[in-house]
């Protein structure tokens, strides 16, 4: 059988940490920023840890793990 290809869109959006957690961008961070507090906007810039519920699906797209 040929090798599985990883999902190109997922490759660009997510990264798996050394411990196996999935990191990605925060939601609500790109526009309508005027009403959001500076503290909240600063927090958006740091990568978000994707929930344990969604992580297996993203890992499957990336071809990571089992």
N, C-alpha and C. Protein backbone atom coordinates (compact mmCIF):
# COMPACT_ATOMS: atom_id res chain seq x y z
N UNK A 1 0.84 -1.19 0.00
CA UNK A 1 0.00 0.00 0.00
C UNK A 1 0.88 1.26 0.00
N UNK A 2 0.42 2.31 -0.66
CA UNK A 2 1.19 3.56 -0.62
C UNK A 2 1.05 4.23 0.75
N UNK A 3 1.97 5.14 1.01
CA UNK A 3 1.94 5.86 2.29
C UNK A 3 0.75 6.81 2.34
N UNK A 4 0.25 7.06 3.54
CA UNK A 4 -0.82 8.03 3.74
C UNK A 4 -0.23 9.43 3.63
N UNK A 5 -0.97 10.34 3.04
CA UNK A 5 -0.50 11.72 2.95
C UNK A 5 -1.10 12.53 4.09
N UNK A 6 -0.29 13.41 4.65
CA UNK A 6 -0.82 14.28 5.70
C UNK A 6 -1.63 15.40 5.05
N UNK A 7 -2.59 15.93 5.79
CA UNK A 7 -3.49 16.96 5.28
C UNK A 7 -2.75 18.29 5.21
N UNK A 8 -2.63 18.86 4.02
CA UNK A 8 -1.84 20.08 3.82
C UNK A 8 -2.38 21.25 4.63
N UNK A 9 -3.71 21.38 4.71
CA UNK A 9 -4.30 22.48 5.48
C UNK A 9 -4.01 22.34 6.97
N UNK A 10 -4.08 21.13 7.47
CA UNK A 10 -3.82 20.88 8.90
C UNK A 10 -2.35 21.11 9.22
N UNK A 11 -1.46 20.75 8.28
CA UNK A 11 -0.02 20.95 8.47
C UNK A 11 0.31 22.41 8.74
N UNK A 12 -0.40 23.30 8.02
CA UNK A 12 -0.13 24.73 8.12
C UNK A 12 -0.72 25.35 9.38
N UNK A 13 -1.73 24.69 9.97
CA UNK A 13 -2.48 25.29 11.08
C UNK A 13 -2.15 24.73 12.45
N UNK A 14 -1.67 23.50 12.51
CA UNK A 14 -1.46 22.85 13.81
C UNK A 14 -0.06 22.30 13.94
N UNK A 15 0.38 22.18 15.19
CA UNK A 15 1.68 21.61 15.49
C UNK A 15 1.51 20.71 16.71
N UNK A 16 2.19 19.57 16.71
CA UNK A 16 2.11 18.66 17.85
C UNK A 16 3.35 18.87 18.72
N UNK A 17 3.14 19.04 20.02
CA UNK A 17 4.25 19.26 20.94
C UNK A 17 4.95 17.94 21.24
N UNK A 18 6.07 18.03 21.94
CA UNK A 18 6.84 16.83 22.27
C UNK A 18 6.05 15.88 23.17
N UNK A 19 5.17 16.44 23.99
CA UNK A 19 4.36 15.59 24.89
C UNK A 19 3.11 15.04 24.22
N UNK A 20 2.86 15.46 22.97
CA UNK A 20 1.73 14.92 22.22
C UNK A 20 0.49 15.79 22.20
N UNK A 21 0.58 17.00 22.80
CA UNK A 21 -0.55 17.92 22.75
C UNK A 21 -0.56 18.62 21.40
N UNK A 22 -1.74 19.08 20.99
CA UNK A 22 -1.87 19.77 19.70
C UNK A 22 -2.03 21.26 19.96
N UNK A 23 -1.22 22.06 19.27
CA UNK A 23 -1.30 23.51 19.40
C UNK A 23 -1.81 24.13 18.13
N UNK A 24 -2.56 25.22 18.26
CA UNK A 24 -3.09 25.91 17.10
C UNK A 24 -3.40 27.36 17.45
N UNK A 25 -4.01 28.06 16.52
CA UNK A 25 -4.35 29.47 16.73
C UNK A 25 -5.61 29.60 17.58
N UNK A 26 -5.71 30.72 18.30
CA UNK A 26 -6.92 31.03 19.05
C UNK A 26 -8.02 31.45 18.09
N UNK A 27 -9.24 31.15 18.46
CA UNK A 27 -10.40 31.67 17.72
C UNK A 27 -10.64 33.11 18.15
N UNK A 28 -11.41 33.85 17.36
CA UNK A 28 -11.82 35.23 17.66
C UNK A 28 -10.65 36.21 17.72
N UNK A 29 -9.58 35.96 16.99
CA UNK A 29 -8.38 36.79 17.14
C UNK A 29 -8.06 37.66 15.93
N UNK A 30 -8.88 37.61 14.88
CA UNK A 30 -8.46 38.29 13.65
C UNK A 30 -9.13 39.62 13.36
N UNK A 31 -10.37 39.82 13.78
CA UNK A 31 -11.02 41.12 13.52
C UNK A 31 -12.03 41.43 14.61
N UNK A 32 -12.61 42.62 14.55
CA UNK A 32 -13.47 43.16 15.62
C UNK A 32 -12.68 43.15 16.94
N UNK A 33 -11.48 43.72 16.89
CA UNK A 33 -10.59 43.68 18.05
C UNK A 33 -10.75 44.91 18.95
N UNK A 34 -11.47 45.92 18.48
CA UNK A 34 -11.59 47.17 19.23
C UNK A 34 -12.25 46.96 20.59
N UNK A 35 -13.26 46.13 20.62
CA UNK A 35 -14.02 45.92 21.86
C UNK A 35 -13.36 44.92 22.80
N UNK A 36 -12.33 44.24 22.34
CA UNK A 36 -11.65 43.25 23.18
C UNK A 36 -10.53 43.91 23.97
N UNK A 37 -10.34 43.44 25.19
CA UNK A 37 -9.36 44.06 26.08
C UNK A 37 -7.94 43.74 25.61
N UNK A 38 -6.98 44.63 25.93
CA UNK A 38 -5.59 44.37 25.55
C UNK A 38 -5.06 43.05 26.12
N UNK A 39 -5.48 42.74 27.32
CA UNK A 39 -5.04 41.48 27.95
C UNK A 39 -5.52 40.28 27.13
N UNK A 40 -6.77 40.35 26.70
CA UNK A 40 -7.36 39.27 25.90
C UNK A 40 -6.66 39.15 24.55
N UNK A 41 -6.37 40.30 23.93
CA UNK A 41 -5.71 40.30 22.62
C UNK A 41 -4.28 39.76 22.71
N UNK A 42 -3.60 40.06 23.81
CA UNK A 42 -2.24 39.52 24.01
C UNK A 42 -2.28 38.01 24.13
N UNK A 43 -3.28 37.53 24.84
CA UNK A 43 -3.42 36.08 25.05
C UNK A 43 -3.69 35.36 23.72
N UNK A 44 -4.37 36.03 22.80
CA UNK A 44 -4.65 35.42 21.49
C UNK A 44 -3.37 35.12 20.71
N UNK A 45 -2.33 35.91 20.93
CA UNK A 45 -1.11 35.75 20.14
C UNK A 45 -0.36 34.47 20.51
N UNK A 46 -0.54 34.01 21.74
CA UNK A 46 0.11 32.77 22.15
C UNK A 46 -0.68 31.58 21.61
N UNK A 47 0.01 30.49 21.27
CA UNK A 47 -0.71 29.35 20.71
C UNK A 47 -1.69 28.73 21.71
N UNK A 48 -2.82 28.30 21.21
CA UNK A 48 -3.83 27.66 22.05
C UNK A 48 -3.62 26.16 22.03
N UNK A 49 -3.85 25.51 23.16
CA UNK A 49 -3.81 24.05 23.21
C UNK A 49 -5.19 23.55 22.82
N UNK A 50 -5.24 22.73 21.80
CA UNK A 50 -6.51 22.20 21.29
C UNK A 50 -7.07 21.20 22.29
N UNK A 51 -8.38 21.19 22.47
CA UNK A 51 -9.00 20.34 23.48
C UNK A 51 -8.74 18.86 23.21
N UNK A 52 -8.79 18.09 24.28
CA UNK A 52 -8.53 16.64 24.19
C UNK A 52 -9.55 15.95 23.29
N UNK A 53 -10.72 16.55 23.18
CA UNK A 53 -11.78 15.96 22.36
C UNK A 53 -11.45 16.07 20.86
N UNK A 54 -10.86 17.20 20.45
CA UNK A 54 -10.56 17.44 19.03
C UNK A 54 -9.19 16.93 18.62
N UNK A 55 -8.29 16.76 19.57
CA UNK A 55 -6.90 16.39 19.27
C UNK A 55 -6.75 15.11 18.43
N UNK A 56 -7.46 14.02 18.74
CA UNK A 56 -7.28 12.80 17.95
C UNK A 56 -7.60 12.99 16.46
N UNK A 57 -8.62 13.80 16.17
CA UNK A 57 -9.01 14.04 14.79
C UNK A 57 -7.92 14.81 14.05
N UNK A 58 -7.32 15.79 14.72
CA UNK A 58 -6.27 16.59 14.11
C UNK A 58 -5.01 15.74 13.92
N UNK A 59 -4.71 14.91 14.92
CA UNK A 59 -3.53 14.04 14.80
C UNK A 59 -3.67 13.07 13.63
N UNK A 60 -4.88 12.62 13.39
CA UNK A 60 -5.13 11.72 12.26
C UNK A 60 -4.85 12.43 10.95
N UNK A 61 -5.28 13.71 10.85
CA UNK A 61 -5.02 14.49 9.63
C UNK A 61 -3.52 14.72 9.44
N UNK A 62 -2.81 14.90 10.56
CA UNK A 62 -1.37 15.16 10.47
C UNK A 62 -0.56 13.87 10.29
N UNK A 63 -1.19 12.74 10.56
CA UNK A 63 -0.48 11.46 10.44
C UNK A 63 0.46 11.22 11.60
N UNK A 64 0.07 11.69 12.80
CA UNK A 64 0.91 11.57 13.99
C UNK A 64 0.34 10.50 14.88
N UNK A 65 1.20 9.67 15.45
CA UNK A 65 0.75 8.66 16.42
C UNK A 65 -0.02 7.54 15.77
N UNK A 66 -0.92 6.92 16.54
CA UNK A 66 -1.67 5.78 16.03
C UNK A 66 -3.00 6.20 15.45
